[in-house]
Amino acid sequence: MKQVVKEGASSVTAASSGNHGQAVAYIANRLNVPATIVVPTNASQCKINAIQKYNGKIIKCGTTSAERLPKAQKIAHQEMGVFIPPYDDPLIMAGQGTIGLEILEQIENVDVIIAPVGGGGLISGILTAVKEIKPSVKMIGVEPELANDTYLSLKNQEITAIPGTNTIADGLRTSQPGDLTFPILQKYLDDLILVKENEIKQALSFVMERMKQIIEPSSAVTIASVLFDKLPFKDKKVVTVISGGNVDIQQINRLVVDTNF
């Protein structure tokens, strides 16, 4: 079901594991528009808290994007509101693409950009912006091994769905890449790397210990790809996109591990 955002929408609805939902709830709250966010039943509590803080209404549905996306679309239809896709939308991808523009503007002679891959909206936007301006830049995507739907789709040369996953990278728990995002990945992506759960934990711990920053596991996948030498680049200027800082403080003990870096 395709809907176009129009000025004066009576309500908005989104499906999200948390980050997209927070953004929609925040803007809707600023515009005094009711927002309903459909999240997985195992959504991070800190993301739920933030959505509710922005007056977003929470509805829990399943554990996969294949379950929550239709639910959100149905609610939008019933309320005669507007559904805002989490990734499979040209405007969403264009917004994400500004990250690519900022990288090119702020970092001289960048050689490689690494970004996490969930539904593909973030990396599709960055890919399009960067490759159209500076095609020599290598673009690398990173997925958890336990949520490898894009890896399988690229390998099979067609969109391939996976069942629910329990990867700690909860922001990357999509069932399959989007209909719009996947062709962009096929056209522009130079490589896609898979990382293990323990590698994600070690990258998360490394950033907290050495960089004094709290990031979420979904962000740590790009760091993991570098720490564990999964990339064929030496003596290159590499940028890793850290895409979110939503992590439950109560859960840090189970995420943090000893590192040897």
C-alpha atoms as a PDB file:
ATOM      1  CA  MET A   1       0.000   0.000   0.000  1.00  0.00           C
ATOM      2  CA  LYS A   2       1.571   3.253  -1.141  1.00  0.00           C
ATOM      3  CA  GLN A   3       0.647   6.463   0.633  1.00  0.00           C
ATOM      4  CA  VAL A   4       1.973   9.945   0.092  1.00  0.00           C
ATOM      5  CA  VAL A   5       2.618  12.254   3.009  1.00  0.00           C
ATOM      6  CA  LYS A   6       0.396  15.303   2.662  1.00  0.00           C
ATOM      7  CA  GLU A   7       0.399  18.561   4.575  1.00  0.00           C
ATOM      8  CA  GLY A   8      -2.206  18.474   7.310  1.00  0.00           C
ATOM      9  CA  ALA A   9      -2.171  14.700   7.960  1.00  0.00           C
ATOM     10  CA  SER A  10      -4.588  13.822  10.755  1.00  0.00           C
ATOM     11  CA  SER A  11      -2.228  11.154  12.115  1.00  0.00           C
ATOM     12  CA  VAL A  12       0.937   9.263  11.234  1.00  0.00           C
ATOM     13  CA  THR A  13       1.904   5.640  11.747  1.00  0.00           C
ATOM     14  CA  ALA A  14       5.271   3.939  11.486  1.00  0.00           C
ATOM     15  CA  ALA A  15       6.746   0.483  11.982  1.00  0.00           C
ATOM     16  CA  SER A  16      10.118   0.462  13.646  1.00  0.00           C
ATOM     17  CA  SER A  17      12.464  -1.395  15.940  1.00  0.00           C
ATOM     18  CA  GLY A  18      13.038   1.985  17.533  1.00  0.00           C
ATOM     19  CA  ASN A  19      15.210   4.549  15.725  1.00  0.00           C
ATOM     20  CA  HIS A  20      12.808   5.444  12.920  1.00  0.00           C
ATOM     21  CA  GLY A  21       9.931   5.374  15.387  1.00  0.00           C
ATOM     22  CA  GLN A  22      11.641   7.890  17.630  1.00  0.00           C
ATOM     23  CA  ALA A  23      12.194  10.283  14.730  1.00  0.00           C
ATOM     24  CA  VAL A  24       8.579  10.017  13.561  1.00  0.00           C
ATOM     25  CA  ALA A  25       7.220  10.462  17.097  1.00  0.00           C
ATOM     26  CA  TYR A  26       9.480  13.461  17.722  1.00  0.00           C
ATOM     27  CA  ILE A  27       8.475  15.351  14.590  1.00  0.00           C
ATOM     28  CA  ALA A  28       4.799  14.415  14.958  1.00  0.00           C
ATOM     29  CA  ASN A  29       4.875  15.737  18.507  1.00  0.00           C
ATOM     30  CA  ARG A  30       6.427  19.018  17.346  1.00  0.00           C
ATOM     31  CA  LEU A  31       3.630  19.343  14.783  1.00  0.00           C
ATOM     32  CA  ASN A  32       0.896  18.265  17.220  1.00  0.00           C
ATOM     33  CA  VAL A  33       0.001  15.271  15.048  1.00  0.00           C
ATOM     34  CA  PRO A  34      -0.874  11.958  16.775  1.00  0.00           C
ATOM     35  CA  ALA A  35       1.699   9.245  16.089  1.00  0.00           C
ATOM     36  CA  THR A  36       1.382   5.475  16.455  1.00  0.00           C
ATOM     37  CA  ILE A  37       4.553   3.411  16.356  1.00  0.00           C
ATOM     38  CA  VAL A  38       4.368  -0.359  15.849  1.00  0.00           C
ATOM     39  CA  VAL A  39       7.387  -1.981  17.491  1.00  0.00           C
ATOM     40  CA  PRO A  40       8.443  -5.616  17.945  1.00  0.00           C
ATOM     41  CA  THR A  41       7.450  -7.349  21.167  1.00  0.00           C
ATOM     42  CA  ASN A  42      11.134  -7.524  22.101  1.00  0.00           C
ATOM     43  CA  ALA A  43      11.900  -3.873  21.350  1.00  0.00           C
ATOM     44  CA  SER A  44      14.566  -2.195  23.450  1.00  0.00           C
ATOM     45  CA  GLN A  45      12.967  -0.518  26.466  1.00  0.00           C
ATOM     46  CA  CYS A  46      15.065   2.613  26.034  1.00  0.00           C
ATOM     47  CA  LYS A  47      13.656   3.049  22.516  1.00  0.00           C
ATOM     48  CA  ILE A  48      10.102   2.544  23.789  1.00  0.00           C
ATOM     49  CA  ASN A  49      10.716   5.085  26.551  1.00  0.00           C
ATOM     50  CA  ALA A  50      11.959   7.665  24.048  1.00  0.00           C
ATOM     51  CA  ILE A  51       8.988   7.161  21.713  1.00  0.00           C
ATOM     52  CA  GLN A  52       6.571   7.546  24.608  1.00  0.00           C
ATOM     53  CA  LYS A  53       8.445  10.627  25.819  1.00  0.00           C
ATOM     54  CA  TYR A  54       7.634  12.174  22.424  1.00  0.00           C
ATOM     55  CA  ASN A  55       3.954  11.263  22.996  1.00  0.00           C
ATOM     56  CA  GLY A  56       4.056   8.406  20.506  1.00  0.00           C
ATOM     57  CA  LYS A  57       1.539   5.616  21.053  1.00  0.00           C
ATOM     58  CA  ILE A  58       3.201   2.194  21.224  1.00  0.00           C
ATOM     59  CA  ILE A  59       1.696  -0.949  19.725  1.00  0.00           C
ATOM     60  CA  LYS A  60       3.698  -4.179  19.926  1.00  0.00           C
ATOM     61  CA  CYS A  61       3.469  -6.714  17.121  1.00  0.00           C
ATOM     62  CA  GLY A  62       5.569  -9.820  16.517  1.00  0.00           C
ATOM     63  CA  THR A  63       9.336  -9.897  16.240  1.00  0.00           C
ATOM     64  CA  THR A  64       9.903  -9.408  12.504  1.00  0.00           C
ATOM     65  CA  SER A  65       9.499  -6.548  10.063  1.00  0.00           C
ATOM     66  CA  ALA A  66       7.234  -8.835   8.014  1.00  0.00           C
ATOM     67  CA  GLU A  67       4.763  -8.686  10.921  1.00  0.00           C
ATOM     68  CA  ARG A  68       4.973  -5.070  12.040  1.00  0.00           C
ATOM     69  CA  LEU A  69       4.979  -3.379   8.612  1.00  0.00           C
ATOM     70  CA  PRO A  70       1.517  -4.701   7.557  1.00  0.00           C
ATOM     71  CA  LYS A  71       0.202  -3.932  11.040  1.00  0.00           C
ATOM     72  CA  ALA A  72       1.315  -0.309  10.793  1.00  0.00           C
ATOM     73  CA  GLN A  73      -0.114   0.033   7.287  1.00  0.00           C
ATOM     74  CA  LYS A  74      -3.444  -1.385   8.454  1.00  0.00           C
ATOM     75  CA  ILE A  75      -3.626   1.078  11.362  1.00  0.00           C
ATOM     76  CA  ALA A  76      -2.864   4.000   9.067  1.00  0.00           C
ATOM     77  CA  HIS A  77      -5.618   2.870   6.697  1.00  0.00           C
ATOM     78  CA  GLN A  78      -8.139   2.438   9.517  1.00  0.00           C
ATOM     79  CA  GLU A  79      -7.355   5.866  10.963  1.00  0.00           C
ATOM     80  CA  MET A  80      -7.227   7.497   7.522  1.00  0.00           C
ATOM     81  CA  GLY A  81      -3.748   8.647   8.413  1.00  0.00           C
ATOM     82  CA  VAL A  82      -0.352   8.465   6.753  1.00  0.00           C
ATOM     83  CA  PHE A  83       2.040   5.528   6.935  1.00  0.00           C
ATOM     84  CA  ILE A  84       5.725   6.546   7.034  1.00  0.00           C
ATOM     85  CA  PRO A  85       7.958   3.663   5.871  1.00  0.00           C
ATOM     86  CA  PRO A  86      11.121   2.934   7.878  1.00  0.00           C
ATOM     87  CA  TYR A  87      13.361   2.476   4.840  1.00  0.00           C
ATOM     88  CA  ASP A  88      11.614   1.558   1.570  1.00  0.00           C
ATOM     89  CA  ASP A  89      10.735   5.066   0.443  1.00  0.00           C
ATOM     90  CA  PRO A  90      12.533   7.571  -1.824  1.00  0.00           C
ATOM     91  CA  LEU A  91      12.235  10.457   0.647  1.00  0.00           C
ATOM     92  CA  ILE A  92      13.458   8.356   3.568  1.00  0.00           C
ATOM     93  CA  MET A  93      16.457   7.249   1.516  1.00  0.00           C
ATOM     94  CA  ALA A  94      17.128  10.820   0.387  1.00  0.00           C
ATOM     95  CA  GLY A  95      17.172  11.978   3.995  1.00  0.00           C
ATOM     96  CA  GLN A  96      19.643   9.253   4.909  1.00  0.00           C
ATOM     97  CA  GLY A  97      21.748  10.231   1.921  1.00  0.00           C
ATOM     98  CA  THR A  98      22.661  13.525   3.580  1.00  0.00           C
ATOM     99  CA  ILE A  99      25.059  11.470   5.728  1.00  0.00           C
ATOM    100  CA  GLY A 100      26.991  10.656   2.562  1.00  0.00           C
ATOM    101  CA  LEU A 101      27.042  14.306   1.572  1.00  0.00           C
ATOM    102  CA  GLU A 102      28.378  15.306   4.995  1.00  0.00           C
ATOM    103  CA  ILE A 103      31.145  12.716   4.800  1.00  0.00           C
ATOM    104  CA  LEU A 104      32.289  13.966   1.398  1.00  0.00           C
ATOM    105  CA  GLU A 105      32.160  17.581   2.568  1.00  0.00           C
ATOM    106  CA  GLN A 106      33.958  17.049   5.871  1.00  0.00           C
ATOM    107  CA  ILE A 107      36.543  14.360   5.119  1.00  0.00           C
ATOM    108  CA  GLU A 108      39.048  15.027   2.373  1.00  0.00           C
ATOM    109  CA  ASN A 109      39.992  12.144   0.087  1.00  0.00           C
ATOM    110  CA  VAL A 110      37.921   9.474   1.810  1.00  0.00           C
ATOM    111  CA  ASP A 111      38.600   6.042   0.287  1.00  0.00           C
ATOM    112  CA  VAL A 112      36.066   3.746   1.962  1.00  0.00           C
ATOM    113  CA  ILE A 113      32.714   4.201   3.711  1.00  0.00           C
ATOM    114  CA  ILE A 114      31.253   1.396   5.816  1.00  0.00           C
ATOM    115  CA  ALA A 115      27.593   1.417   6.875  1.00  0.00           C
ATOM    116  CA  PRO A 116      25.278  -1.013   8.673  1.00  0.00           C
ATOM    117  CA  VAL A 117      22.545  -2.766   6.699  1.00  0.00           C
ATOM    118  CA  GLY A 118      19.026  -3.469   7.945  1.00  0.00           C
ATOM    119  CA  GLY A 119      16.202  -2.744   5.542  1.00  0.00           C
ATOM    120  CA  GLY A 120      18.659  -0.822   3.400  1.00  0.00           C
ATOM    121  CA  GLY A 121      17.337   2.732   3.667  1.00  0.00           C
ATOM    122  CA  LEU A 122      20.392   4.162   5.405  1.00  0.00           C
ATOM    123  CA  ILE A 123      22.998   2.606   3.163  1.00  0.00           C
ATOM    124  CA  SER A 124      20.936   3.123  -0.030  1.00  0.00           C
ATOM    125  CA  GLY A 125      20.781   6.845   0.625  1.00  0.00           C
ATOM    126  CA  ILE A 126      24.490   7.052   1.385  1.00  0.00           C
ATOM    127  CA  LEU A 127      25.324   4.879  -1.629  1.00  0.00           C
ATOM    128  CA  THR A 128      23.357   7.014  -4.050  1.00  0.00           C
ATOM    129  CA  ALA A 129      24.781  10.306  -2.806  1.00  0.00           C
ATOM    130  CA  VAL A 130      28.388   9.133  -2.651  1.00  0.00           C
ATOM    131  CA  LYS A 131      28.543   7.054  -5.822  1.00  0.00           C
ATOM    132  CA  GLU A 132      26.895   9.740  -7.954  1.00  0.00           C
ATOM    133  CA  ILE A 133      29.363  12.366  -6.723  1.00  0.00           C
ATOM    134  CA  LYS A 134      32.533  10.335  -6.196  1.00  0.00           C
ATOM    135  CA  PRO A 135      32.234   6.815  -7.660  1.00  0.00           C
ATOM    136  CA  SER A 136      35.811   5.953  -6.711  1.00  0.00           C
ATOM    137  CA  VAL A 137      34.818   5.696  -3.034  1.00  0.00           C
ATOM    138  CA  LYS A 138      34.332   2.067  -2.009  1.00  0.00           C
ATOM    139  CA  MET A 139      31.032   1.416  -0.219  1.00  0.00           C
ATOM    140  CA  ILE A 140      30.859  -1.551   2.155  1.00  0.00           C
ATOM    141  CA  GLY A 141      27.763  -2.812   3.973  1.00  0.00           C
ATOM    142  CA  VAL A 142      27.822  -4.815   7.207  1.00  0.00           C
ATOM    143  CA  GLU A 143      25.203  -7.239   8.524  1.00  0.00           C
ATOM    144  CA  PRO A 144      25.115  -9.571  11.528  1.00  0.00           C
ATOM    145  CA  GLU A 145      25.500 -13.221  10.561  1.00  0.00           C
ATOM    146  CA  LEU A 146      22.198 -13.874  12.327  1.00  0.00           C
ATOM    147  CA  ALA A 147      20.369 -11.279  10.203  1.00  0.00           C
ATOM    148  CA  ASN A 148      21.871 -11.900   6.778  1.00  0.00           C
ATOM    149  CA  ASP A 149      18.840 -11.249   4.562  1.00  0.00           C
ATOM    150  CA  THR A 150      20.637  -8.727   2.350  1.00  0.00           C
ATOM    151  CA  TYR A 151      23.701 -10.969   2.060  1.00  0.00           C
ATOM    152  CA  LEU A 152      21.488 -13.856   0.910  1.00  0.00           C
ATOM    153  CA  SER A 153      19.517 -11.598  -1.411  1.00  0.00           C
ATOM    154  CA  LEU A 154      22.659 -10.334  -3.123  1.00  0.00           C
ATOM    155  CA  LYS A 155      23.987 -13.879  -3.382  1.00  0.00           C
ATOM    156  CA  ASN A 156      20.707 -15.153  -4.868  1.00  0.00           C
ATOM    157  CA  GLN A 157      20.272 -12.035  -7.013  1.00  0.00           C
ATOM    158  CA  GLU A 158      16.716 -11.662  -5.739  1.00  0.00           C
ATOM    159  CA  ILE A 159      15.065 -10.496  -2.533  1.00  0.00           C
ATOM    160  CA  THR A 160      15.323 -13.325  -0.030  1.00  0.00           C
ATOM    161  CA  ALA A 161      13.523 -13.318   3.320  1.00  0.00           C
ATOM    162  CA  ILE A 162      14.751 -14.828   6.573  1.00  0.00           C
ATOM    163  CA  PRO A 163      12.754 -15.865   9.664  1.00  0.00           C
ATOM    164  CA  GLY A 164      12.927 -13.957  12.935  1.00  0.00           C
ATOM    165  CA  THR A 165      16.372 -13.398  14.433  1.00  0.00           C
ATOM    166  CA  ASN A 166      17.699 -12.771  17.932  1.00  0.00           C
ATOM    167  CA  THR A 167      20.827 -10.869  16.957  1.00  0.00           C
ATOM    168  CA  ILE A 168      21.830  -8.313  19.573  1.00  0.00           C
ATOM    169  CA  ALA A 169      21.878  -5.764  16.730  1.00  0.00           C
ATOM    170  CA  ASP A 170      18.156  -5.159  17.188  1.00  0.00           C
ATOM    171  CA  GLY A 171      18.062  -2.238  14.766  1.00  0.00           C
ATOM    172  CA  LEU A 172      19.092  -4.582  11.944  1.00  0.00           C
ATOM    173  CA  ARG A 173      16.433  -7.237  12.522  1.00  0.00           C
ATOM    174  CA  THR A 174      14.663  -6.889   9.198  1.00  0.00           C
ATOM    175  CA  SER A 175      13.150  -9.858   7.370  1.00  0.00           C
ATOM    176  CA  GLN A 176      14.318  -8.783   3.911  1.00  0.00           C
ATOM    177  CA  PRO A 177      15.673  -5.761   2.030  1.00  0.00           C
ATOM    178  CA  GLY A 178      13.149  -3.350   0.561  1.00  0.00           C
ATOM    179  CA  ASP A 179      11.775  -3.456  -2.971  1.00  0.00           C
ATOM    180  CA  LEU A 180      13.268  -0.003  -3.587  1.00  0.00           C
ATOM    181  CA  THR A 181      16.460  -0.351  -1.585  1.00  0.00           C
ATOM    182  CA  PHE A 182      17.594  -3.703  -2.978  1.00  0.00           C
ATOM    183  CA  PRO A 183      18.166  -2.562  -6.612  1.00  0.00           C
ATOM    184  CA  ILE A 184      20.269   0.323  -5.307  1.00  0.00           C
ATOM    185  CA  LEU A 185      22.398  -2.092  -3.308  1.00  0.00           C
ATOM    186  CA  GLN A 186      22.804  -4.287  -6.372  1.00  0.00           C
ATOM    187  CA  LYS A 187      23.876  -1.303  -8.480  1.00  0.00           C
ATOM    188  CA  TYR A 188      26.274   0.482  -6.155  1.00  0.00           C
ATOM    189  CA  LEU A 189      27.430  -1.689  -3.241  1.00  0.00           C
ATOM    190  CA  ASP A 190      31.048  -2.854  -3.541  1.00  0.00           C
ATOM    191  CA  ASP A 191      30.890  -5.549  -0.875  1.00  0.00           C
ATOM    192  CA  LEU A 192      28.855  -6.800   2.080  1.00  0.00           C
ATOM    193  CA  ILE A 193      30.518  -8.146   5.226  1.00  0.00           C
ATOM    194  CA  LEU A 194      29.028 -10.412   7.901  1.00  0.00           C
ATOM    195  CA  VAL A 195      30.024 -10.149  11.571  1.00  0.00           C
ATOM    196  CA  LYS A 196      29.505 -12.569  14.451  1.00  0.00           C
ATOM    197  CA  GLU A 197      27.643 -11.765  17.662  1.00  0.00           C
ATOM    198  CA  ASN A 198      30.782 -11.870  19.799  1.00  0.00           C
ATOM    199  CA  GLU A 199      32.548  -9.585  17.335  1.00  0.00           C
ATOM    200  CA  ILE A 200      29.716  -7.082  17.700  1.00  0.00           C
ATOM    201  CA  LYS A 201      30.033  -7.261  21.500  1.00  0.00           C
ATOM    202  CA  GLN A 202      33.776  -6.718  21.365  1.00  0.00           C
ATOM    203  CA  ALA A 203      33.371  -3.738  19.048  1.00  0.00           C
ATOM    204  CA  LEU A 204      30.723  -2.273  21.346  1.00  0.00           C
ATOM    205  CA  SER A 205      33.014  -2.759  24.344  1.00  0.00           C
ATOM    206  CA  PHE A 206      35.971  -1.266  22.481  1.00  0.00           C
ATOM    207  CA  VAL A 207      34.068   1.930  21.661  1.00  0.00           C
ATOM    208  CA  MET A 208      32.863   2.302  25.244  1.00  0.00           C
ATOM    209  CA  GLU A 209      36.294   1.618  26.744  1.00  0.00           C
ATOM    210  CA  ARG A 210      38.546   3.508  24.340  1.00  0.00           C
ATOM    211  CA  MET A 211      36.289   6.171  22.838  1.00  0.00           C
ATOM    212  CA  LYS A 212      34.096   6.756  25.912  1.00  0.00           C
ATOM    213  CA  GLN A 213      30.932   6.631  23.817  1.00  0.00           C
ATOM    214  CA  ILE A 214      27.767   4.605  24.291  1.00  0.00           C
ATOM    215  CA  ILE A 215      26.571   3.160  21.005  1.00  0.00           C
ATOM    216  CA  GLU A 216      24.029   0.458  20.247  1.00  0.00           C
ATOM    217  CA  PRO A 217      24.981  -2.988  18.898  1.00  0.00           C
ATOM    218  CA  SER A 218      23.566  -2.113  15.469  1.00  0.00           C
ATOM    219  CA  SER A 219      26.130   0.683  15.241  1.00  0.00           C
ATOM    220  CA  ALA A 220      28.943  -1.560  16.412  1.00  0.00           C
ATOM    221  CA  VAL A 221      28.778  -3.847  13.361  1.00  0.00           C
ATOM    222  CA  THR A 222      30.792  -1.383  11.270  1.00  0.00           C
ATOM    223  CA  ILE A 223      33.466  -1.101  13.949  1.00  0.00           C
ATOM    224  CA  ALA A 224      33.562  -4.908  14.204  1.00  0.00           C
ATOM    225  CA  SER A 225      34.270  -5.239  10.491  1.00  0.00           C
ATOM    226  CA  VAL A 226      37.410  -3.127  10.943  1.00  0.00           C
ATOM    227  CA  LEU A 227      38.598  -4.557  14.265  1.00  0.00           C
ATOM    228  CA  PHE A 228      38.450  -8.095  12.946  1.00  0.00           C
ATOM    229  CA  ASP A 229      40.203  -7.350   9.644  1.00  0.00           C
ATOM    230  CA  LYS A 230      37.292  -8.307   7.441  1.00  0.00           C
ATOM    231  CA  LEU A 231      38.124  -5.634   4.893  1.00  0.00           C
ATOM    232  CA  PRO A 232      40.811  -5.829   2.163  1.00  0.00           C
ATOM    233  CA  PHE A 233      41.930  -2.234   2.670  1.00  0.00           C
ATOM    234  CA  LYS A 234      45.322  -1.191   4.009  1.00  0.00           C
ATOM    235  CA  ASP A 235      46.602   2.358   4.433  1.00  0.00           C
ATOM    236  CA  LYS A 236      43.271   3.797   3.282  1.00  0.00           C
ATOM    237  CA  LYS A 237      41.122   6.559   4.733  1.00  0.00           C
ATOM    238  CA  VAL A 238      38.108   4.633   6.071  1.00  0.00           C
ATOM    239  CA  VAL A 239      34.889   6.042   7.549  1.00  0.00           C
ATOM    240  CA  THR A 240      32.607   3.857   9.661  1.00  0.00           C
ATOM    241  CA  VAL A 241      29.043   5.089  10.088  1.00  0.00           C
ATOM    242  CA  ILE A 242      27.853   4.784  13.703  1.00  0.00           C
ATOM    243  CA  SER A 243      24.103   4.905  13.317  1.00  0.00           C
ATOM    244  CA  GLY A 244      22.604   5.008  16.802  1.00  0.00           C
ATOM    245  CA  GLY A 245      23.169   5.144  20.554  1.00  0.00           C
ATOM    246  CA  ASN A 246      20.059   3.405  21.841  1.00  0.00           C
ATOM    247  CA  VAL A 247      21.101   0.795  24.366  1.00  0.00           C
ATOM    248  CA  ASP A 248      19.381  -0.131  27.606  1.00  0.00           C
ATOM    249  CA  ILE A 249      21.653   0.717  30.503  1.00  0.00           C
ATOM    250  CA  GLN A 250      20.274  -2.334  32.333  1.00  0.00           C
ATOM    251  CA  GLN A 251      21.463  -4.550  29.461  1.00  0.00           C
ATOM    252  CA  ILE A 252      25.037  -3.302  29.227  1.00  0.00           C
ATOM    253  CA  ASN A 253      26.392  -6.068  31.470  1.00  0.00           C
ATOM    254  CA  ARG A 254      25.310  -8.748  29.002  1.00  0.00           C
ATOM    255  CA  LEU A 255      26.681  -6.811  26.033  1.00  0.00           C
ATOM    256  CA  VAL A 256      30.090  -5.796  27.344  1.00  0.00           C
ATOM    257  CA  VAL A 257      32.963  -8.310  27.085  1.00  0.00           C
ATOM    258  CA  ASP A 258      36.715  -8.264  27.647  1.00  0.00           C
ATOM    259  CA  THR A 259      38.613  -6.951  24.655  1.00  0.00           C
ATOM    260  CA  ASN A 260      42.162  -7.544  23.485  1.00  0.00           C
ATOM    261  CA  PHE A 261      42.452  -4.446  21.356  1.00  0.00           C
END
